[in-house]
N, C-alpha and C. Protein backbone atom coordinates (compact mmCIF):
# COMPACT_ATOMS: atom_id res chain seq x y z
N MET A 1 0.97 -1.00 -0.09
CA MET A 1 0.59 0.16 0.27
C MET A 1 0.74 1.38 0.02
N THR A 2 2.17 0.91 0.45
CA THR A 2 3.43 2.47 0.68
C THR A 2 3.49 2.75 -0.93
N TYR A 3 3.66 1.67 -1.32
CA TYR A 3 4.08 2.21 -2.61
C TYR A 3 2.90 2.70 -3.82
N LEU A 4 2.17 1.90 -3.62
CA LEU A 4 0.46 2.74 -4.52
C LEU A 4 0.51 3.98 -3.86
N ARG A 5 0.44 4.34 -2.79
CA ARG A 5 0.12 5.73 -2.39
C ARG A 5 1.41 6.40 -2.65
N ALA A 6 2.64 6.04 -2.75
CA ALA A 6 3.80 6.97 -3.18
C ALA A 6 3.41 7.08 -4.81
N TRP A 7 3.37 5.99 -5.57
CA TRP A 7 2.86 6.60 -7.39
C TRP A 7 1.65 7.49 -7.00
N LEU A 8 0.78 7.14 -6.30
CA LEU A 8 -0.28 7.74 -6.45
C LEU A 8 -0.13 9.57 -6.74
N GLY A 9 0.92 9.50 -5.75
CA GLY A 9 0.95 11.40 -5.11
C GLY A 9 2.17 11.44 -6.07
N THR A 10 3.16 10.82 -6.63
CA THR A 10 3.99 11.07 -7.85
C THR A 10 3.04 11.74 -8.91
N VAL A 11 2.23 10.17 -9.66
CA VAL A 11 1.58 10.57 -10.68
C VAL A 11 0.38 11.81 -10.91
N VAL A 12 -0.12 11.89 -9.28
CA VAL A 12 -0.99 13.05 -10.00
C VAL A 12 -0.26 14.39 -9.54
N SER A 13 0.62 14.86 -9.03
CA SER A 13 1.20 15.50 -8.85
C SER A 13 2.20 16.28 -10.42
N PHE A 14 2.67 14.78 -10.63
CA PHE A 14 3.48 15.11 -12.25
C PHE A 14 2.24 15.48 -13.22
N LEU A 15 1.00 15.23 -13.28
CA LEU A 15 -0.01 15.30 -13.99
C LEU A 15 -0.31 16.54 -14.16
N ILE A 16 -0.83 17.36 -13.05
CA ILE A 16 -1.25 18.56 -12.58
C ILE A 16 0.12 19.24 -13.58
N ILE A 17 1.17 19.34 -12.74
CA ILE A 17 2.59 20.26 -12.41
C ILE A 17 2.89 20.56 -14.22
N ASP A 18 3.01 18.83 -14.77
CA ASP A 18 3.33 19.15 -16.18
C ASP A 18 2.29 19.41 -17.20
N LEU A 19 1.34 19.39 -16.72
CA LEU A 19 0.10 20.09 -17.97
C LEU A 19 0.17 20.93 -17.61
N ALA A 20 -0.06 21.77 -16.27
CA ALA A 20 0.42 23.46 -16.32
C ALA A 20 1.32 24.03 -16.92
N TRP A 21 2.66 23.14 -16.91
CA TRP A 21 3.53 23.63 -17.43
C TRP A 21 3.37 23.84 -18.80
N ILE A 22 3.05 22.42 -19.34
CA ILE A 22 2.35 22.18 -21.11
C ILE A 22 1.64 23.49 -21.15
N THR A 23 0.72 23.63 -20.99
CA THR A 23 -0.57 25.35 -21.50
C THR A 23 -0.60 26.24 -20.81
N LEU A 24 0.31 26.53 -19.71
CA LEU A 24 0.40 28.01 -19.59
C LEU A 24 1.96 28.47 -20.06
N VAL A 25 2.71 27.81 -19.85
CA VAL A 25 3.89 28.46 -19.96
C VAL A 25 4.97 28.13 -21.52
N VAL A 26 4.93 26.77 -21.88
CA VAL A 26 6.02 26.57 -22.51
C VAL A 26 4.99 25.64 -24.33
N ARG A 27 4.04 26.10 -24.34
CA ARG A 27 3.62 25.60 -25.46
C ARG A 27 3.57 26.76 -26.72
N ASP A 28 3.26 27.87 -26.35
CA ASP A 28 4.09 29.22 -26.97
C ASP A 28 5.24 29.03 -27.59
N LEU A 29 6.26 28.31 -26.47
CA LEU A 29 7.75 28.21 -27.14
C LEU A 29 7.80 27.23 -28.32
N TYR A 30 7.57 26.27 -27.65
CA TYR A 30 7.56 24.79 -28.90
C TYR A 30 6.79 25.23 -30.41
N GLU A 31 5.50 25.98 -30.25
CA GLU A 31 5.04 26.31 -31.23
C GLU A 31 5.64 27.12 -32.04
N ALA A 32 6.56 28.65 -31.25
CA ALA A 32 7.72 29.38 -32.22
C ALA A 32 8.65 28.52 -32.86
N GLU A 33 9.45 27.69 -32.32
CA GLU A 33 10.57 27.15 -31.98
C GLU A 33 10.08 25.84 -33.03
N LEU A 34 8.80 25.23 -33.37
CA LEU A 34 8.87 23.96 -34.07
C LEU A 34 8.06 23.90 -35.03
N GLY A 35 6.93 24.96 -35.24
CA GLY A 35 6.00 25.43 -35.61
C GLY A 35 5.17 23.80 -36.36
N SER A 36 5.29 24.02 -37.41
CA SER A 36 4.53 22.76 -38.12
C SER A 36 4.94 20.73 -37.91
N MET A 37 5.82 21.09 -37.15
CA MET A 37 6.59 19.85 -36.58
C MET A 37 5.29 19.24 -35.20
N MET A 38 4.59 20.31 -34.57
CA MET A 38 3.82 19.86 -33.85
C MET A 38 2.45 19.87 -34.07
N ARG A 39 1.52 18.60 -33.31
CA ARG A 39 0.73 18.20 -33.64
C ARG A 39 -0.42 19.03 -33.48
N GLU A 40 -1.72 18.83 -34.13
CA GLU A 40 -2.77 19.51 -33.58
C GLU A 40 -3.34 19.02 -32.03
N THR A 41 -3.49 17.85 -32.10
CA THR A 41 -3.64 17.36 -30.83
C THR A 41 -3.02 16.37 -29.81
N LEU A 42 -3.34 16.49 -29.01
CA LEU A 42 -2.80 15.21 -28.23
C LEU A 42 -2.78 13.64 -28.83
N ASN A 43 -1.79 13.08 -28.50
CA ASN A 43 -1.10 11.48 -28.97
C ASN A 43 -1.81 11.23 -27.32
N VAL A 44 -2.89 11.23 -27.25
CA VAL A 44 -3.65 10.34 -25.76
C VAL A 44 -2.72 9.21 -25.18
N PRO A 45 -2.84 8.13 -26.20
CA PRO A 45 -2.18 6.63 -25.60
C PRO A 45 -0.65 6.81 -25.75
N ALA A 46 0.04 7.43 -26.05
CA ALA A 46 1.55 7.76 -26.10
C ALA A 46 1.72 8.67 -24.53
N SER A 47 0.86 9.72 -24.31
CA SER A 47 1.22 10.08 -23.52
C SER A 47 0.71 9.73 -21.74
N ALA A 48 0.09 8.36 -22.15
CA ALA A 48 -0.75 8.04 -21.13
C ALA A 48 0.40 7.06 -21.20
N ALA A 49 1.32 6.56 -21.90
CA ALA A 49 2.36 5.17 -21.83
C ALA A 49 3.59 5.93 -20.82
N PHE A 50 3.60 7.09 -21.59
CA PHE A 50 4.69 7.91 -20.67
C PHE A 50 4.62 7.91 -19.46
N TYR A 51 3.41 8.96 -19.10
CA TYR A 51 3.50 9.42 -17.65
C TYR A 51 2.95 8.28 -16.69
N LEU A 52 2.52 6.85 -17.40
CA LEU A 52 2.80 5.57 -16.40
C LEU A 52 4.28 5.08 -16.26
N ALA A 53 4.84 5.09 -17.24
CA ALA A 53 6.02 4.16 -16.96
C ALA A 53 7.08 5.19 -16.69
N TYR A 54 7.21 6.35 -16.59
CA TYR A 54 8.09 7.50 -16.22
C TYR A 54 7.43 7.58 -14.52
N THR A 55 6.55 7.46 -14.19
CA THR A 55 6.56 8.08 -12.95
C THR A 55 6.28 6.31 -12.16
N VAL A 56 6.58 5.56 -13.09
CA VAL A 56 7.02 4.31 -11.61
C VAL A 56 8.60 4.37 -11.96
N GLY A 57 9.12 4.79 -12.68
CA GLY A 57 10.13 4.99 -12.65
C GLY A 57 10.85 6.16 -11.49
N ILE A 58 10.42 7.04 -11.35
CA ILE A 58 10.61 7.88 -10.41
C ILE A 58 10.61 7.27 -9.01
N VAL A 59 9.23 6.76 -8.86
CA VAL A 59 8.83 5.97 -7.53
C VAL A 59 9.97 5.03 -7.34
N TYR A 60 10.38 4.12 -8.35
CA TYR A 60 11.35 2.75 -7.86
C TYR A 60 13.00 3.74 -7.61
N LEU A 61 12.88 4.68 -8.86
CA LEU A 61 14.47 4.54 -8.36
C LEU A 61 14.56 6.01 -7.69
N ALA A 62 13.66 6.93 -7.38
CA ALA A 62 13.87 8.60 -6.48
C ALA A 62 13.18 8.24 -4.97
N VAL A 63 11.79 7.74 -4.72
CA VAL A 63 10.94 7.72 -3.54
C VAL A 63 11.39 6.22 -2.75
N GLU A 64 11.50 5.42 -3.88
CA GLU A 64 11.75 3.94 -2.61
C GLU A 64 12.93 3.96 -1.87
N PRO A 65 14.10 4.71 -2.94
CA PRO A 65 15.47 4.88 -1.90
C PRO A 65 15.18 5.88 -0.72
N ALA A 66 14.26 7.09 -0.97
CA ALA A 66 13.98 7.90 0.29
C ALA A 66 13.37 7.81 0.90
N LEU A 67 12.41 6.47 1.28
CA LEU A 67 11.46 5.81 1.91
C LEU A 67 12.63 4.69 2.27
N ARG A 68 13.11 4.12 2.39
CA ARG A 68 14.19 3.54 2.95
C ARG A 68 14.94 4.14 3.70
N ALA A 69 15.84 5.11 3.54
CA ALA A 69 16.38 6.56 4.03
C ALA A 69 15.31 7.48 4.90
N ARG A 70 14.24 7.20 4.84
CA ARG A 70 13.40 7.82 5.90
C ARG A 70 13.71 9.34 6.00
N SER A 71 13.85 10.03 4.30
CA SER A 71 14.37 11.34 4.74
C SER A 71 14.28 11.36 3.03
N MET A 72 13.34 12.84 2.46
CA MET A 72 13.16 13.45 1.78
C MET A 72 14.32 13.78 0.62
N ALA A 73 15.52 13.51 1.09
CA ALA A 73 16.65 13.85 0.35
C ALA A 73 16.87 13.34 -0.75
N PRO A 74 16.96 12.16 -0.26
CA PRO A 74 17.36 11.00 -1.74
C PRO A 74 15.77 11.21 -3.17
N ALA A 75 14.95 11.67 -2.27
CA ALA A 75 13.88 11.74 -3.25
C ALA A 75 14.22 13.01 -4.16
N LEU A 76 14.80 13.40 -3.59
CA LEU A 76 14.82 15.49 -3.90
C LEU A 76 15.93 14.81 -5.29
N LEU A 77 17.19 14.68 -4.52
CA LEU A 77 18.60 14.27 -5.59
C LEU A 77 18.20 13.59 -6.68
N ARG A 78 17.84 12.48 -6.37
CA ARG A 78 17.92 11.09 -7.17
C ARG A 78 16.59 11.85 -8.01
N GLY A 79 15.48 12.22 -7.76
CA GLY A 79 14.51 12.88 -8.68
C GLY A 79 15.38 13.98 -9.78
N ALA A 80 16.10 14.73 -9.18
CA ALA A 80 16.85 15.80 -9.74
C ALA A 80 17.91 15.05 -11.29
N ALA A 81 18.41 14.24 -10.46
CA ALA A 81 19.31 13.22 -11.42
C ALA A 81 18.62 12.72 -12.49
N PHE A 82 17.20 11.93 -11.59
CA PHE A 82 16.66 11.02 -13.16
C PHE A 82 15.88 11.98 -14.46
N GLY A 83 15.74 12.87 -13.54
CA GLY A 83 14.68 14.11 -14.83
C GLY A 83 15.70 14.61 -15.44
N ALA A 84 17.09 15.03 -15.16
CA ALA A 84 17.93 15.87 -16.11
C ALA A 84 18.44 14.75 -17.28
N LEU A 85 18.86 13.46 -16.47
CA LEU A 85 19.25 12.20 -17.45
C LEU A 85 17.70 11.84 -18.32
N ALA A 86 17.04 11.46 -17.88
CA ALA A 86 15.78 11.62 -18.67
C ALA A 86 15.45 12.45 -20.03
N TYR A 87 14.84 13.83 -19.42
CA TYR A 87 14.86 14.53 -19.95
C TYR A 87 15.89 15.35 -20.68
N GLY A 88 17.30 14.86 -20.46
CA GLY A 88 18.65 15.40 -21.38
C GLY A 88 18.57 14.73 -22.67
N THR A 89 18.50 13.10 -22.23
CA THR A 89 18.85 12.29 -23.00
C THR A 89 17.56 12.46 -24.58
N TYR A 90 16.29 13.32 -24.30
CA TYR A 90 15.19 13.11 -25.22
C TYR A 90 15.69 14.31 -25.76
N THR A 91 16.37 15.55 -25.22
CA THR A 91 16.14 16.64 -25.84
C THR A 91 17.61 16.69 -26.68
N VAL A 92 18.70 16.24 -25.90
CA VAL A 92 19.86 16.18 -26.91
C VAL A 92 19.49 15.28 -27.84
N THR A 93 19.21 14.12 -28.00
CA THR A 93 18.52 13.85 -29.07
C THR A 93 17.89 14.30 -30.39
N ASN A 94 17.01 15.18 -29.65
CA ASN A 94 15.78 15.88 -30.82
C ASN A 94 17.16 17.32 -31.11
N TYR A 95 17.67 17.97 -30.41
CA TYR A 95 19.11 18.82 -30.89
C TYR A 95 19.87 17.84 -31.72
N ALA A 96 20.24 17.09 -31.56
CA ALA A 96 21.44 16.38 -32.66
C ALA A 96 20.63 16.20 -34.21
N ILE A 97 18.96 15.68 -33.85
CA ILE A 97 18.61 14.99 -35.26
C ILE A 97 17.75 16.44 -35.93
N PHE A 98 16.93 17.21 -35.29
CA PHE A 98 16.17 18.35 -35.36
C PHE A 98 16.85 19.74 -36.00
N GLU A 99 16.88 20.22 -37.28
CA GLU A 99 17.55 21.46 -37.26
C GLU A 99 16.71 22.63 -36.47
N ALA A 100 15.72 22.44 -36.63
CA ALA A 100 14.65 23.33 -35.81
C ALA A 100 14.74 23.55 -34.27
N TRP A 101 15.65 22.44 -33.58
CA TRP A 101 15.37 22.10 -32.30
C TRP A 101 16.59 22.73 -31.49
N THR A 102 16.20 24.19 -30.84
CA THR A 102 17.14 25.06 -30.36
C THR A 102 18.02 24.79 -28.91
N MET A 103 18.64 25.32 -28.61
CA MET A 103 19.20 25.53 -27.34
C MET A 103 18.49 25.70 -26.15
N THR A 104 17.59 26.65 -26.86
CA THR A 104 16.69 26.82 -25.56
C THR A 104 15.94 26.40 -25.55
N LEU A 105 15.46 25.25 -26.37
CA LEU A 105 14.94 24.21 -26.04
C LEU A 105 15.13 23.45 -25.39
N LEU A 106 16.50 22.98 -25.49
CA LEU A 106 17.59 22.34 -25.21
C LEU A 106 17.44 22.47 -23.33
N VAL A 107 18.31 23.12 -23.09
CA VAL A 107 18.44 23.53 -21.63
C VAL A 107 16.86 23.86 -21.27
N SER A 108 16.31 24.41 -21.97
CA SER A 108 14.70 24.35 -20.78
C SER A 108 13.94 23.09 -20.53
N ASP A 109 14.07 22.31 -21.42
CA ASP A 109 13.91 20.73 -21.16
C ASP A 109 14.51 19.87 -20.44
N ILE A 110 16.06 20.06 -20.05
CA ILE A 110 16.56 19.34 -19.13
C ILE A 110 15.94 20.40 -17.86
N LEU A 111 16.13 21.22 -17.62
CA LEU A 111 16.01 22.34 -16.67
C LEU A 111 14.57 21.78 -15.78
N TRP A 112 13.65 21.51 -16.84
CA TRP A 112 12.48 21.38 -16.16
C TRP A 112 12.33 19.98 -15.88
N GLY A 113 12.89 18.96 -16.47
CA GLY A 113 13.08 17.42 -15.99
C GLY A 113 13.21 17.44 -14.58
N ALA A 114 14.60 18.19 -14.64
CA ALA A 114 14.90 17.86 -13.04
C ALA A 114 14.55 18.10 -11.95
N PHE A 115 13.81 19.28 -12.15
CA PHE A 115 12.89 20.34 -11.59
C PHE A 115 11.40 19.54 -11.39
N LEU A 116 11.33 19.28 -12.24
CA LEU A 116 9.49 18.34 -12.29
C LEU A 116 9.59 16.99 -11.70
N THR A 117 11.23 16.53 -11.98
CA THR A 117 11.01 14.94 -11.04
C THR A 117 11.84 15.19 -9.34
N ALA A 118 12.37 15.92 -9.45
CA ALA A 118 12.79 16.06 -8.28
C ALA A 118 11.47 16.40 -7.05
N THR A 119 10.08 17.82 -7.60
CA THR A 119 9.01 18.28 -7.04
C THR A 119 8.45 16.56 -6.74
N CYS A 120 8.00 15.91 -8.22
CA CYS A 120 7.23 15.03 -7.89
C CYS A 120 7.53 13.49 -7.22
N ALA A 121 8.89 13.34 -7.01
CA ALA A 121 9.35 12.34 -5.89
C ALA A 121 9.35 12.58 -4.71
N ALA A 122 9.21 14.21 -4.55
CA ALA A 122 8.99 14.67 -3.14
C ALA A 122 7.74 14.05 -2.60
N CYS A 123 6.58 14.89 -3.89
CA CYS A 123 5.19 14.48 -3.49
C CYS A 123 4.83 12.97 -3.23
N GLY A 124 5.46 12.31 -3.78
CA GLY A 124 5.35 10.48 -3.99
C GLY A 124 5.77 10.28 -2.48
N TYR A 125 7.14 11.15 -2.45
CA TYR A 125 7.61 10.60 -1.00
C TYR A 125 6.45 11.10 0.52
N LEU A 126 5.79 12.48 0.49
CA LEU A 126 5.21 12.80 1.22
C LEU A 126 3.53 12.07 1.40
N ALA A 127 3.15 11.36 0.48
CA ALA A 127 1.96 10.94 0.22
C ALA A 127 2.32 9.64 0.37
N SER A 128 3.20 9.13 0.65
CA SER A 128 3.69 7.83 1.00
C SER A 128 3.50 7.33 2.98
N ARG A 129 4.22 8.26 2.76
CA ARG A 129 4.25 8.63 4.73
C ARG A 129 2.85 8.75 5.49
């Protein structure tokens, strides 16, 4: 039950924070930088698969070690590292492949991944306690 609560805290916070970021902050930047490469509508099955897999990864790699340590610090540190690596892999690959992918997108994605993942790992940790 502890891990289910951890995952629910992680996934709910991830959905709320990431959707707010996408719709209120970064959508215009992506549209300006990528233009016609963007879809008109969200690919819901692909998004759902990502959110499910990624939040399970957050719980396994960041929340669970924090629960063992009985401290939020591992959730924050491991979450930030996992987020920077995961989002960094995605954005650096895009930067290497797509001419339209800019350094602004690269840097903002890495920073966002680190912040979002650390924050959601902390939420998962708190929800499980």
